[in-house]
Amino acid sequence: MPIKHQQPPEKSLEALREATKKMPKVYAEVAGMIRDILAQPDQHWPHPVYVAGLRDMASANGLRKAQMIGWRYLARVGSDRNYAIEVQHDDDGTDHRLAELDKGPYIDGMYRVLGDKNLARKVGATALRPAVLRINALKVFAVWLRADDPEKELIIPIPPAPPPLKPWQAYTVKEFQDELRDEAKEDLAHDSSDA
């Protein structure tokens, strides 16, 4: 499989440790998931979370401006319940804190991408590192498979993906930016005309 595990920063793991100490008993199941993550982080696909805005996507090479806001860890409860636990940090990488527990189609979609055996054919021997890409203004949630060679990176939108993106299609960074640029420009023009 071309997708490899990543080592999260110790500050992110420490934020999870602190959260379990302060968590009320009513959240025992969540605390148990976090303890599982802490026991074996690499089993829970630690991955960074990036966000991009309309201005970023309206410009050329907009994803270079995407900001990393934290780390996510995937967890399972039972056989069919998938969760993501997110730790966010300040812009300068400090003050890590438990930010959210998420479940639903986006998280299930991440598991689908990470388990896709066909990715090896698409990227050959290139090692990919998973990340999440959120573009909230365009309602985009995607798995961003990062690589040492940016030309080999893939972005896979998770449904429901807005037009013109096709869910589950593997886009290069350039293709992904090209697909969203016009919509981002239109949304920016609409926002400024309402001001």
N, C-alpha and C. Protein backbone atom coordinates (compact mmCIF):
# COMPACT_ATOMS: atom_id res chain seq x y z
N MET A 1 0.85 -1.19 0.00
CA MET A 1 0.00 0.00 0.00
C MET A 1 0.88 1.24 0.00
N PRO A 2 0.60 2.22 -0.86
CA PRO A 2 1.45 3.40 -0.95
C PRO A 2 1.23 4.40 0.17
N ILE A 3 0.18 4.26 0.97
CA ILE A 3 -0.11 5.22 2.02
C ILE A 3 0.64 4.81 3.28
N LYS A 4 1.40 5.75 3.83
CA LYS A 4 2.19 5.42 5.01
C LYS A 4 1.72 6.22 6.22
N HIS A 5 1.97 5.66 7.39
CA HIS A 5 1.62 6.31 8.64
C HIS A 5 2.55 7.48 8.90
N GLN A 6 2.06 8.43 9.68
CA GLN A 6 2.86 9.59 10.05
C GLN A 6 2.99 9.65 11.57
N GLN A 7 4.01 10.31 12.00
CA GLN A 7 4.22 10.50 13.44
C GLN A 7 3.67 11.86 13.84
N PRO A 8 2.63 11.89 14.67
CA PRO A 8 2.09 13.19 15.09
C PRO A 8 3.04 13.88 16.07
N PRO A 9 2.93 15.18 16.21
CA PRO A 9 3.79 15.87 17.18
C PRO A 9 3.41 15.47 18.61
N GLU A 10 4.40 15.43 19.46
CA GLU A 10 4.17 15.04 20.85
C GLU A 10 3.16 15.97 21.53
N LYS A 11 3.14 17.25 21.16
CA LYS A 11 2.19 18.19 21.77
C LYS A 11 0.74 17.79 21.47
N SER A 12 0.51 17.22 20.29
CA SER A 12 -0.83 16.77 19.93
C SER A 12 -1.24 15.59 20.81
N LEU A 13 -0.32 14.65 20.98
CA LEU A 13 -0.60 13.49 21.84
C LEU A 13 -0.79 13.92 23.28
N GLU A 14 -0.01 14.89 23.72
CA GLU A 14 -0.14 15.40 25.10
C GLU A 14 -1.51 16.04 25.30
N ALA A 15 -2.03 16.72 24.29
CA ALA A 15 -3.37 17.32 24.39
C ALA A 15 -4.42 16.22 24.57
N LEU A 16 -4.24 15.09 23.90
CA LEU A 16 -5.17 13.97 24.08
C LEU A 16 -5.07 13.42 25.51
N ARG A 17 -3.84 13.27 26.02
CA ARG A 17 -3.64 12.77 27.39
C ARG A 17 -4.36 13.67 28.39
N GLU A 18 -4.18 14.98 28.23
CA GLU A 18 -4.80 15.94 29.14
C GLU A 18 -6.32 15.88 29.04
N ALA A 19 -6.84 15.71 27.84
CA ALA A 19 -8.29 15.65 27.65
C ALA A 19 -8.89 14.46 28.39
N THR A 20 -8.21 13.31 28.37
CA THR A 20 -8.77 12.14 29.07
C THR A 20 -8.79 12.36 30.57
N LYS A 21 -7.85 13.12 31.10
CA LYS A 21 -7.81 13.38 32.55
C LYS A 21 -8.97 14.28 32.98
N LYS A 22 -9.40 15.17 32.10
CA LYS A 22 -10.42 16.15 32.45
C LYS A 22 -11.83 15.76 31.99
N MET A 23 -11.94 14.66 31.25
CA MET A 23 -13.21 14.28 30.66
C MET A 23 -14.19 13.73 31.70
N PRO A 24 -15.41 14.24 31.73
CA PRO A 24 -16.41 13.71 32.66
C PRO A 24 -16.70 12.22 32.38
N LYS A 25 -17.17 11.52 33.39
CA LYS A 25 -17.42 10.07 33.27
C LYS A 25 -18.43 9.74 32.18
N VAL A 26 -19.33 10.66 31.90
CA VAL A 26 -20.33 10.42 30.87
C VAL A 26 -19.68 10.20 29.49
N TYR A 27 -18.44 10.66 29.33
CA TYR A 27 -17.71 10.50 28.08
C TYR A 27 -16.69 9.36 28.15
N ALA A 28 -16.98 8.35 28.92
CA ALA A 28 -16.05 7.23 29.12
C ALA A 28 -15.72 6.54 27.80
N GLU A 29 -16.70 6.42 26.90
CA GLU A 29 -16.44 5.77 25.61
C GLU A 29 -15.43 6.57 24.79
N VAL A 30 -15.58 7.88 24.78
CA VAL A 30 -14.65 8.76 24.06
C VAL A 30 -13.27 8.67 24.70
N ALA A 31 -13.22 8.70 26.02
CA ALA A 31 -11.93 8.59 26.71
C ALA A 31 -11.26 7.26 26.37
N GLY A 32 -12.04 6.20 26.26
CA GLY A 32 -11.49 4.90 25.87
C GLY A 32 -10.90 4.92 24.47
N MET A 33 -11.58 5.59 23.54
CA MET A 33 -11.04 5.72 22.17
C MET A 33 -9.72 6.48 22.20
N ILE A 34 -9.67 7.55 22.98
CA ILE A 34 -8.44 8.34 23.05
C ILE A 34 -7.31 7.52 23.67
N ARG A 35 -7.61 6.74 24.70
CA ARG A 35 -6.56 5.90 25.31
C ARG A 35 -6.04 4.87 24.30
N ASP A 36 -6.93 4.34 23.46
CA ASP A 36 -6.50 3.42 22.40
C ASP A 36 -5.55 4.11 21.43
N ILE A 37 -5.88 5.34 21.08
CA ILE A 37 -5.02 6.12 20.18
C ILE A 37 -3.65 6.34 20.82
N LEU A 38 -3.65 6.71 22.08
CA LEU A 38 -2.39 6.97 22.77
C LEU A 38 -1.53 5.71 22.91
N ALA A 39 -2.18 4.56 23.06
CA ALA A 39 -1.43 3.31 23.20
C ALA A 39 -0.73 2.92 21.91
N GLN A 40 -1.38 3.17 20.77
CA GLN A 40 -0.82 2.80 19.47
C GLN A 40 -1.21 3.84 18.42
N PRO A 41 -0.57 5.01 18.45
CA PRO A 41 -0.97 6.07 17.51
C PRO A 41 -0.94 5.64 16.04
N ASP A 42 0.07 4.86 15.65
CA ASP A 42 0.18 4.51 14.22
C ASP A 42 -0.97 3.63 13.74
N GLN A 43 -1.70 3.01 14.63
CA GLN A 43 -2.86 2.20 14.25
C GLN A 43 -4.10 3.05 13.97
N HIS A 44 -4.00 4.35 14.22
CA HIS A 44 -5.16 5.23 14.10
C HIS A 44 -4.95 6.33 13.05
N TRP A 45 -4.08 6.07 12.10
CA TRP A 45 -3.86 6.96 10.96
C TRP A 45 -3.74 8.43 11.36
N PRO A 46 -2.80 8.80 12.19
CA PRO A 46 -2.64 10.23 12.48
C PRO A 46 -2.35 11.00 11.19
N HIS A 47 -3.04 12.11 11.02
CA HIS A 47 -2.85 12.90 9.80
C HIS A 47 -3.15 14.37 10.07
N PRO A 48 -2.43 15.27 9.39
CA PRO A 48 -2.69 16.70 9.56
C PRO A 48 -3.99 17.13 8.90
N VAL A 49 -4.51 18.24 9.40
CA VAL A 49 -5.72 18.85 8.87
C VAL A 49 -5.35 20.21 8.29
N TYR A 50 -5.72 20.42 7.04
CA TYR A 50 -5.46 21.70 6.36
C TYR A 50 -6.77 22.37 6.02
N VAL A 51 -6.77 23.70 6.06
CA VAL A 51 -7.92 24.47 5.61
C VAL A 51 -7.44 25.49 4.57
N ALA A 52 -8.32 25.75 3.62
CA ALA A 52 -8.05 26.77 2.60
C ALA A 52 -9.32 27.61 2.46
N GLY A 53 -9.14 28.85 2.09
CA GLY A 53 -10.27 29.76 1.95
C GLY A 53 -10.56 30.10 0.49
N LEU A 54 -11.59 30.89 0.29
CA LEU A 54 -11.97 31.29 -1.07
C LEU A 54 -10.85 32.04 -1.78
N ARG A 55 -10.22 32.97 -1.10
CA ARG A 55 -9.14 33.73 -1.72
C ARG A 55 -8.00 32.81 -2.14
N ASP A 56 -7.70 31.83 -1.29
CA ASP A 56 -6.65 30.87 -1.64
C ASP A 56 -7.01 30.15 -2.93
N MET A 57 -8.24 29.63 -2.99
CA MET A 57 -8.63 28.80 -4.12
C MET A 57 -8.87 29.62 -5.39
N ALA A 58 -9.10 30.92 -5.25
CA ALA A 58 -9.29 31.78 -6.42
C ALA A 58 -7.95 32.14 -7.07
N SER A 59 -6.87 31.95 -6.34
CA SER A 59 -5.55 32.30 -6.86
C SER A 59 -4.86 31.08 -7.46
N ALA A 60 -3.84 31.35 -8.26
CA ALA A 60 -3.02 30.26 -8.79
C ALA A 60 -2.26 29.63 -7.63
N ASN A 61 -2.12 28.32 -7.66
CA ASN A 61 -1.41 27.58 -6.61
C ASN A 61 -1.99 27.86 -5.23
N GLY A 62 -3.31 27.92 -5.14
CA GLY A 62 -3.98 28.25 -3.89
C GLY A 62 -3.72 27.29 -2.75
N LEU A 63 -3.48 26.02 -3.07
CA LEU A 63 -3.27 25.07 -1.98
C LEU A 63 -1.93 25.27 -1.27
N ARG A 64 -1.01 25.98 -1.89
CA ARG A 64 0.23 26.32 -1.19
C ARG A 64 -0.05 27.22 0.00
N LYS A 65 -1.21 27.89 -0.02
CA LYS A 65 -1.58 28.79 1.06
C LYS A 65 -2.43 28.10 2.13
N ALA A 66 -2.77 26.84 1.91
CA ALA A 66 -3.56 26.10 2.90
C ALA A 66 -2.81 26.05 4.22
N GLN A 67 -3.53 26.24 5.30
CA GLN A 67 -2.92 26.27 6.63
C GLN A 67 -3.20 24.97 7.37
N MET A 68 -2.17 24.44 8.01
CA MET A 68 -2.37 23.28 8.86
C MET A 68 -2.89 23.77 10.20
N ILE A 69 -4.03 23.21 10.63
CA ILE A 69 -4.64 23.68 11.88
C ILE A 69 -4.57 22.64 12.99
N GLY A 70 -4.11 21.42 12.68
CA GLY A 70 -4.05 20.41 13.72
C GLY A 70 -3.86 19.01 13.15
N TRP A 71 -4.17 18.03 13.99
CA TRP A 71 -4.03 16.61 13.64
C TRP A 71 -5.32 15.88 13.96
N ARG A 72 -5.60 14.87 13.13
CA ARG A 72 -6.76 14.00 13.34
C ARG A 72 -6.27 12.58 13.54
N TYR A 73 -7.07 11.84 14.28
CA TYR A 73 -6.81 10.42 14.53
C TYR A 73 -8.11 9.67 14.27
N LEU A 74 -8.03 8.56 13.55
CA LEU A 74 -9.22 7.77 13.28
C LEU A 74 -9.38 6.71 14.35
N ALA A 75 -10.62 6.48 14.75
CA ALA A 75 -10.90 5.49 15.79
C ALA A 75 -12.18 4.75 15.41
N ARG A 76 -12.28 3.53 15.89
CA ARG A 76 -13.47 2.72 15.64
C ARG A 76 -14.08 2.28 16.96
N VAL A 77 -15.39 2.27 16.96
CA VAL A 77 -16.12 1.70 18.09
C VAL A 77 -17.04 0.65 17.50
N GLY A 78 -16.86 -0.59 17.90
CA GLY A 78 -17.64 -1.65 17.30
C GLY A 78 -17.15 -1.91 15.88
N SER A 79 -17.97 -2.59 15.12
CA SER A 79 -17.53 -2.99 13.78
C SER A 79 -17.87 -1.97 12.71
N ASP A 80 -18.80 -1.07 12.98
CA ASP A 80 -19.21 -0.19 11.88
C ASP A 80 -19.29 1.28 12.28
N ARG A 81 -18.73 1.68 13.40
CA ARG A 81 -18.81 3.06 13.82
C ARG A 81 -17.44 3.70 13.73
N ASN A 82 -17.25 4.57 12.76
CA ASN A 82 -15.97 5.24 12.54
C ASN A 82 -16.01 6.66 13.09
N TYR A 83 -14.94 7.05 13.76
CA TYR A 83 -14.83 8.38 14.34
C TYR A 83 -13.49 9.01 13.94
N ALA A 84 -13.46 10.33 14.03
CA ALA A 84 -12.20 11.07 13.95
C ALA A 84 -12.13 11.97 15.17
N ILE A 85 -10.98 11.98 15.81
CA ILE A 85 -10.75 12.85 16.96
C ILE A 85 -9.71 13.87 16.52
N GLU A 86 -10.08 15.14 16.63
CA GLU A 86 -9.21 16.21 16.12
C GLU A 86 -8.62 17.04 17.24
N VAL A 87 -7.33 17.28 17.13
CA VAL A 87 -6.60 18.17 18.03
C VAL A 87 -6.16 19.35 17.17
N GLN A 88 -6.55 20.55 17.58
CA GLN A 88 -6.16 21.75 16.83
C GLN A 88 -5.10 22.52 17.61
N HIS A 89 -4.40 23.38 16.87
CA HIS A 89 -3.39 24.23 17.51
C HIS A 89 -3.45 25.63 16.94
N ASP A 90 -2.77 26.55 17.62
CA ASP A 90 -2.71 27.94 17.15
C ASP A 90 -1.90 28.02 15.86
N ASP A 91 -1.97 29.18 15.20
CA ASP A 91 -1.26 29.38 13.93
C ASP A 91 0.23 29.08 14.02
N ASP A 92 0.82 29.35 15.16
CA ASP A 92 2.26 29.12 15.30
C ASP A 92 2.60 27.71 15.77
N GLY A 93 1.60 26.83 15.83
CA GLY A 93 1.85 25.45 16.22
C GLY A 93 1.84 25.20 17.71
N THR A 94 1.46 26.20 18.50
CA THR A 94 1.42 26.03 19.95
C THR A 94 -0.01 25.81 20.41
N ASP A 95 -0.17 25.60 21.71
CA ASP A 95 -1.47 25.47 22.36
C ASP A 95 -2.35 24.42 21.68
N HIS A 96 -1.90 23.18 21.69
CA HIS A 96 -2.68 22.06 21.16
C HIS A 96 -3.82 21.74 22.13
N ARG A 97 -5.01 21.48 21.58
CA ARG A 97 -6.17 21.17 22.42
C ARG A 97 -7.15 20.29 21.66
N LEU A 98 -7.84 19.42 22.40
CA LEU A 98 -8.87 18.59 21.81
C LEU A 98 -9.95 19.51 21.26
N ALA A 99 -10.29 19.34 19.98
CA ALA A 99 -11.21 20.27 19.34
C ALA A 99 -12.55 19.63 18.98
N GLU A 100 -12.53 18.39 18.50
CA GLU A 100 -13.81 17.80 18.10
C GLU A 100 -13.72 16.29 17.97
N LEU A 101 -14.88 15.70 18.06
CA LEU A 101 -15.10 14.29 17.78
C LEU A 101 -16.09 14.27 16.63
N ASP A 102 -15.76 13.59 15.56
CA ASP A 102 -16.58 13.63 14.35
C ASP A 102 -16.90 12.21 13.91
N LYS A 103 -18.06 12.04 13.32
CA LYS A 103 -18.44 10.77 12.70
C LYS A 103 -19.34 11.09 11.53
N GLY A 104 -19.54 10.13 10.66
CA GLY A 104 -20.43 10.35 9.54
C GLY A 104 -19.78 10.04 8.21
N PRO A 105 -20.39 10.51 7.12
CA PRO A 105 -19.94 10.12 5.79
C PRO A 105 -18.51 10.54 5.45
N TYR A 106 -18.05 11.68 5.96
CA TYR A 106 -16.69 12.10 5.66
C TYR A 106 -15.67 11.15 6.29
N ILE A 107 -15.94 10.72 7.50
CA ILE A 107 -15.01 9.82 8.18
C ILE A 107 -15.06 8.44 7.54
N ASP A 108 -16.25 7.96 7.23
CA ASP A 108 -16.37 6.68 6.53
C ASP A 108 -15.65 6.75 5.18
N GLY A 109 -15.75 7.90 4.52
CA GLY A 109 -15.06 8.09 3.25
C GLY A 109 -13.54 8.05 3.39
N MET A 110 -13.03 8.59 4.48
CA MET A 110 -11.58 8.52 4.71
C MET A 110 -11.13 7.07 4.81
N TYR A 111 -11.88 6.27 5.56
CA TYR A 111 -11.54 4.84 5.66
C TYR A 111 -11.55 4.18 4.29
N ARG A 112 -12.53 4.56 3.47
CA ARG A 112 -12.61 3.98 2.13
C ARG A 112 -11.36 4.32 1.31
N VAL A 113 -10.93 5.58 1.35
CA VAL A 113 -9.74 5.99 0.59
C VAL A 113 -8.50 5.28 1.12
N LEU A 114 -8.34 5.25 2.44
CA LEU A 114 -7.15 4.63 3.02
C LEU A 114 -7.07 3.14 2.74
N GLY A 115 -8.21 2.51 2.50
CA GLY A 115 -8.23 1.08 2.18
C GLY A 115 -8.24 0.77 0.70
N ASP A 116 -8.15 1.78 -0.15
CA ASP A 116 -8.23 1.60 -1.61
C ASP A 116 -6.96 0.95 -2.16
N LYS A 117 -7.07 -0.28 -2.58
CA LYS A 117 -5.92 -1.03 -3.11
C LYS A 117 -5.51 -0.52 -4.51
N ASN A 118 -6.39 0.20 -5.20
CA ASN A 118 -6.06 0.69 -6.54
C ASN A 118 -5.14 1.90 -6.53
N LEU A 119 -4.96 2.52 -5.37
CA LEU A 119 -4.07 3.69 -5.32
C LEU A 119 -2.64 3.33 -5.70
N ALA A 120 -2.22 2.12 -5.36
CA ALA A 120 -0.86 1.68 -5.69
C ALA A 120 -0.63 1.75 -7.20
N ARG A 121 -1.64 1.39 -7.98
CA ARG A 121 -1.52 1.45 -9.44
C ARG A 121 -1.38 2.89 -9.92
N LYS A 122 -2.10 3.80 -9.28
CA LYS A 122 -2.10 5.19 -9.72
C LYS A 122 -0.79 5.90 -9.41
N VAL A 123 -0.14 5.54 -8.31
CA VAL A 123 1.04 6.30 -7.88
C VAL A 123 2.33 5.51 -7.94
N GLY A 124 2.26 4.25 -8.26
CA GLY A 124 3.47 3.43 -8.33
C GLY A 124 4.11 3.28 -6.97
N ALA A 125 5.40 3.50 -6.90
CA ALA A 125 6.14 3.30 -5.66
C ALA A 125 6.13 4.54 -4.76
N THR A 126 5.47 5.60 -5.17
CA THR A 126 5.46 6.83 -4.38
C THR A 126 4.76 6.61 -3.04
N ALA A 127 5.40 7.01 -1.98
CA ALA A 127 4.80 6.94 -0.65
C ALA A 127 3.93 8.17 -0.44
N LEU A 128 2.71 7.95 -0.02
CA LEU A 128 1.77 9.04 0.21
C LEU A 128 1.46 9.16 1.70
N ARG A 129 1.29 10.39 2.15
CA ARG A 129 0.96 10.66 3.54
C ARG A 129 -0.43 11.31 3.58
N PRO A 130 -1.39 10.68 4.26
CA PRO A 130 -2.74 11.23 4.25
C PRO A 130 -2.85 12.53 5.04
N ALA A 131 -3.73 13.38 4.57
CA ALA A 131 -4.10 14.61 5.26
C ALA A 131 -5.56 14.89 4.92
N VAL A 132 -6.18 15.75 5.69
CA VAL A 132 -7.53 16.21 5.41
C VAL A 132 -7.42 17.61 4.85
N LEU A 133 -8.23 17.91 3.84
CA LEU A 133 -8.32 19.26 3.29
C LEU A 133 -9.77 19.70 3.39
N ARG A 134 -9.98 20.81 4.09
CA ARG A 134 -11.33 21.37 4.20
C ARG A 134 -11.33 22.75 3.57
N ILE A 135 -12.32 22.96 2.72
CA ILE A 135 -12.56 24.29 2.15
C ILE A 135 -14.01 24.59 2.48
N ASN A 136 -14.25 25.12 3.67
CA ASN A 136 -15.60 25.26 4.18
C ASN A 136 -16.49 26.13 3.31
N ALA A 137 -15.94 27.21 2.76
CA ALA A 137 -16.74 28.13 1.95
C ALA A 137 -17.27 27.46 0.68
N LEU A 138 -16.60 26.41 0.23
CA LEU A 138 -17.03 25.69 -0.98
C LEU A 138 -17.65 24.33 -0.63
N LYS A 139 -17.77 24.04 0.66
CA LYS A 139 -18.33 22.78 1.15
C LYS A 139 -17.55 21.57 0.65
N VAL A 140 -16.22 21.68 0.71
CA VAL A 140 -15.33 20.61 0.25
C VAL A 140 -14.65 19.96 1.45
N PHE A 141 -14.71 18.64 1.48
CA PHE A 141 -13.94 17.82 2.41
C PHE A 141 -13.25 16.78 1.54
N ALA A 142 -11.93 16.73 1.62
CA ALA A 142 -11.19 15.83 0.74
C ALA A 142 -10.03 15.19 1.50
N VAL A 143 -9.63 14.03 1.00
CA VAL A 143 -8.41 13.40 1.49
C VAL A 143 -7.29 13.86 0.58
N TRP A 144 -6.28 14.47 1.16
CA TRP A 144 -5.14 14.99 0.41
C TRP A 144 -3.98 14.04 0.67
N LEU A 145 -3.59 13.31 -0.33
CA LEU A 145 -2.49 12.36 -0.21
C LEU A 145 -1.21 13.08 -0.63
N ARG A 146 -0.44 13.49 0.37
CA ARG A 146 0.76 14.30 0.16
C ARG A 146 1.94 13.40 -0.21
N ALA A 147 2.89 13.96 -0.93
CA ALA A 147 4.08 13.21 -1.36
C ALA A 147 5.28 14.14 -1.34
N ASP A 148 6.47 13.53 -1.33
CA ASP A 148 7.69 14.34 -1.42
C ASP A 148 7.75 15.08 -2.75
N ASP A 149 7.22 14.47 -3.79
CA ASP A 149 7.13 15.09 -5.10
C ASP A 149 5.71 15.62 -5.28
N PRO A 150 5.50 16.96 -5.21
CA PRO A 150 4.15 17.51 -5.31
C PRO A 150 3.39 17.08 -6.57
N GLU A 151 4.12 16.74 -7.63
CA GLU A 151 3.46 16.30 -8.86
C GLU A 151 2.73 14.97 -8.69
N LYS A 152 3.08 14.21 -7.67
CA LYS A 152 2.47 12.88 -7.45
C LYS A 152 1.37 12.92 -6.40
N GLU A 153 1.11 14.08 -5.83
CA GLU A 153 0.07 14.17 -4.83
C GLU A 153 -1.31 14.01 -5.45
N LEU A 154 -2.23 13.46 -4.67
CA LEU A 154 -3.61 13.26 -5.11
C LEU A 154 -4.56 13.87 -4.10
N ILE A 155 -5.68 14.37 -4.60
CA ILE A 155 -6.75 14.89 -3.74
C ILE A 155 -8.03 14.18 -4.15
N ILE A 156 -8.67 13.56 -3.17
CA ILE A 156 -9.87 12.78 -3.44
C ILE A 156 -11.04 13.37 -2.65
N PRO A 157 -11.99 14.03 -3.34
CA PRO A 157 -13.15 14.60 -2.65
C PRO A 157 -14.06 13.49 -2.11
N ILE A 158 -14.52 13.68 -0.89
CA ILE A 158 -15.45 12.74 -0.26
C ILE A 158 -16.87 13.30 -0.46
N PRO A 159 -17.82 12.45 -0.85
CA PRO A 159 -19.18 12.96 -1.04
C PRO A 159 -19.84 13.33 0.29
N PRO A 160 -20.74 14.30 0.27
CA PRO A 160 -21.22 14.98 -0.92
C PRO A 160 -20.24 16.09 -1.34
N ALA A 161 -19.74 16.00 -2.54
CA ALA A 161 -18.80 17.01 -3.06
C ALA A 161 -19.58 17.95 -3.97
N PRO A 162 -19.28 19.24 -3.90
CA PRO A 162 -20.00 20.19 -4.74
C PRO A 162 -19.52 20.12 -6.19
N PRO A 163 -20.42 20.43 -7.13
CA PRO A 163 -19.96 20.54 -8.51
C PRO A 163 -18.92 21.65 -8.58
N PRO A 164 -17.95 21.56 -9.37
CA PRO A 164 -17.71 20.62 -10.46
C PRO A 164 -16.92 19.38 -10.05
N LEU A 165 -16.63 19.20 -8.76
CA LEU A 165 -15.85 18.04 -8.34
C LEU A 165 -16.66 16.76 -8.45
N LYS A 166 -15.98 15.69 -8.76
CA LYS A 166 -16.60 14.36 -8.79
C LYS A 166 -16.12 13.59 -7.57
N PRO A 167 -17.06 13.14 -6.72
CA PRO A 167 -16.66 12.38 -5.55
C PRO A 167 -15.86 11.14 -5.94
N TRP A 168 -14.89 10.81 -5.12
CA TRP A 168 -14.03 9.63 -5.26
C TRP A 168 -13.02 9.73 -6.39
N GLN A 169 -13.08 10.75 -7.22
CA GLN A 169 -12.09 10.89 -8.30
C GLN A 169 -10.79 11.39 -7.71
N ALA A 170 -9.69 10.81 -8.14
CA ALA A 170 -8.36 11.24 -7.70
C ALA A 170 -7.87 12.35 -8.62
N TYR A 171 -7.75 13.55 -8.07
CA TYR A 171 -7.28 14.71 -8.82
C TYR A 171 -5.82 14.99 -8.46
N THR A 172 -5.07 15.48 -9.43
CA THR A 172 -3.76 16.05 -9.10
C THR A 172 -4.05 17.39 -8.42
N VAL A 173 -3.06 17.97 -7.78
CA VAL A 173 -3.24 19.27 -7.13
C VAL A 173 -3.66 20.30 -8.17
N LYS A 174 -3.01 20.31 -9.30
CA LYS A 174 -3.34 21.27 -10.37
C LYS A 174 -4.78 21.08 -10.84
N GLU A 175 -5.18 19.84 -11.11
CA GLU A 175 -6.56 19.58 -11.57
C GLU A 175 -7.58 20.04 -10.53
N PHE A 176 -7.30 19.75 -9.27
CA PHE A 176 -8.21 20.12 -8.19
C PHE A 176 -8.36 21.64 -8.11
N GLN A 177 -7.23 22.36 -8.14
CA GLN A 177 -7.27 23.82 -8.10
C GLN A 177 -8.00 24.38 -9.31
N ASP A 178 -7.73 23.83 -10.49
CA ASP A 178 -8.37 24.31 -11.71
C ASP A 178 -9.89 24.12 -11.65
N GLU A 179 -10.34 22.99 -11.09
CA GLU A 179 -11.78 22.72 -11.00
C GLU A 179 -12.50 23.71 -10.10
N LEU A 180 -11.83 24.19 -9.06
CA LEU A 180 -12.49 25.05 -8.07
C LEU A 180 -12.24 26.54 -8.25
N ARG A 181 -11.28 26.91 -9.08
CA ARG A 181 -10.88 28.32 -9.18
C ARG A 181 -12.04 29.22 -9.60
N ASP A 182 -12.77 28.87 -10.65
CA ASP A 182 -13.85 29.74 -11.14
C ASP A 182 -14.95 29.90 -10.10
N GLU A 183 -15.31 28.79 -9.45
CA GLU A 183 -16.36 28.88 -8.43
C GLU A 183 -15.91 29.76 -7.27
N ALA A 184 -14.65 29.63 -6.87
CA ALA A 184 -14.12 30.46 -5.79
C ALA A 184 -14.15 31.93 -6.19
N LYS A 185 -13.78 32.24 -7.44
CA LYS A 185 -13.80 33.63 -7.91
C LYS A 185 -15.23 34.17 -7.93
N GLU A 186 -16.18 33.35 -8.39
CA GLU A 186 -17.58 33.78 -8.42
C GLU A 186 -18.09 34.06 -7.01
N ASP A 187 -17.78 33.16 -6.07
CA ASP A 187 -18.23 33.36 -4.69
C ASP A 187 -17.62 34.62 -4.08
N LEU A 188 -16.36 34.89 -4.39
CA LEU A 188 -15.72 36.11 -3.88
C LEU A 188 -16.37 37.35 -4.48
N ALA A 189 -16.67 37.32 -5.77
CA ALA A 189 -17.32 38.46 -6.42
C ALA A 189 -18.71 38.68 -5.84
N HIS A 190 -19.43 37.59 -5.58
CA HIS A 190 -20.77 37.69 -5.00
C HIS A 190 -20.69 38.27 -3.59
N ASP A 191 -19.73 37.81 -2.79
CA ASP A 191 -19.57 38.31 -1.43
C ASP A 191 -19.24 39.80 -1.42
N SER A 192 -18.38 40.26 -2.34
CA SER A 192 -18.01 41.68 -2.35
C SER A 192 -19.15 42.55 -2.88
N SER A 193 -20.01 42.00 -3.75
CA SER A 193 -21.13 42.80 -4.28
C SER A 193 -22.21 42.99 -3.21
N ASP A 194 -22.26 42.09 -2.21
CA ASP A 194 -23.25 42.22 -1.13
C ASP A 194 -22.78 43.19 -0.06
N ALA A 195 -21.51 43.54 -0.05
CA ALA A 195 -20.96 44.37 1.03
C ALA A 195 -21.38 45.81 0.89
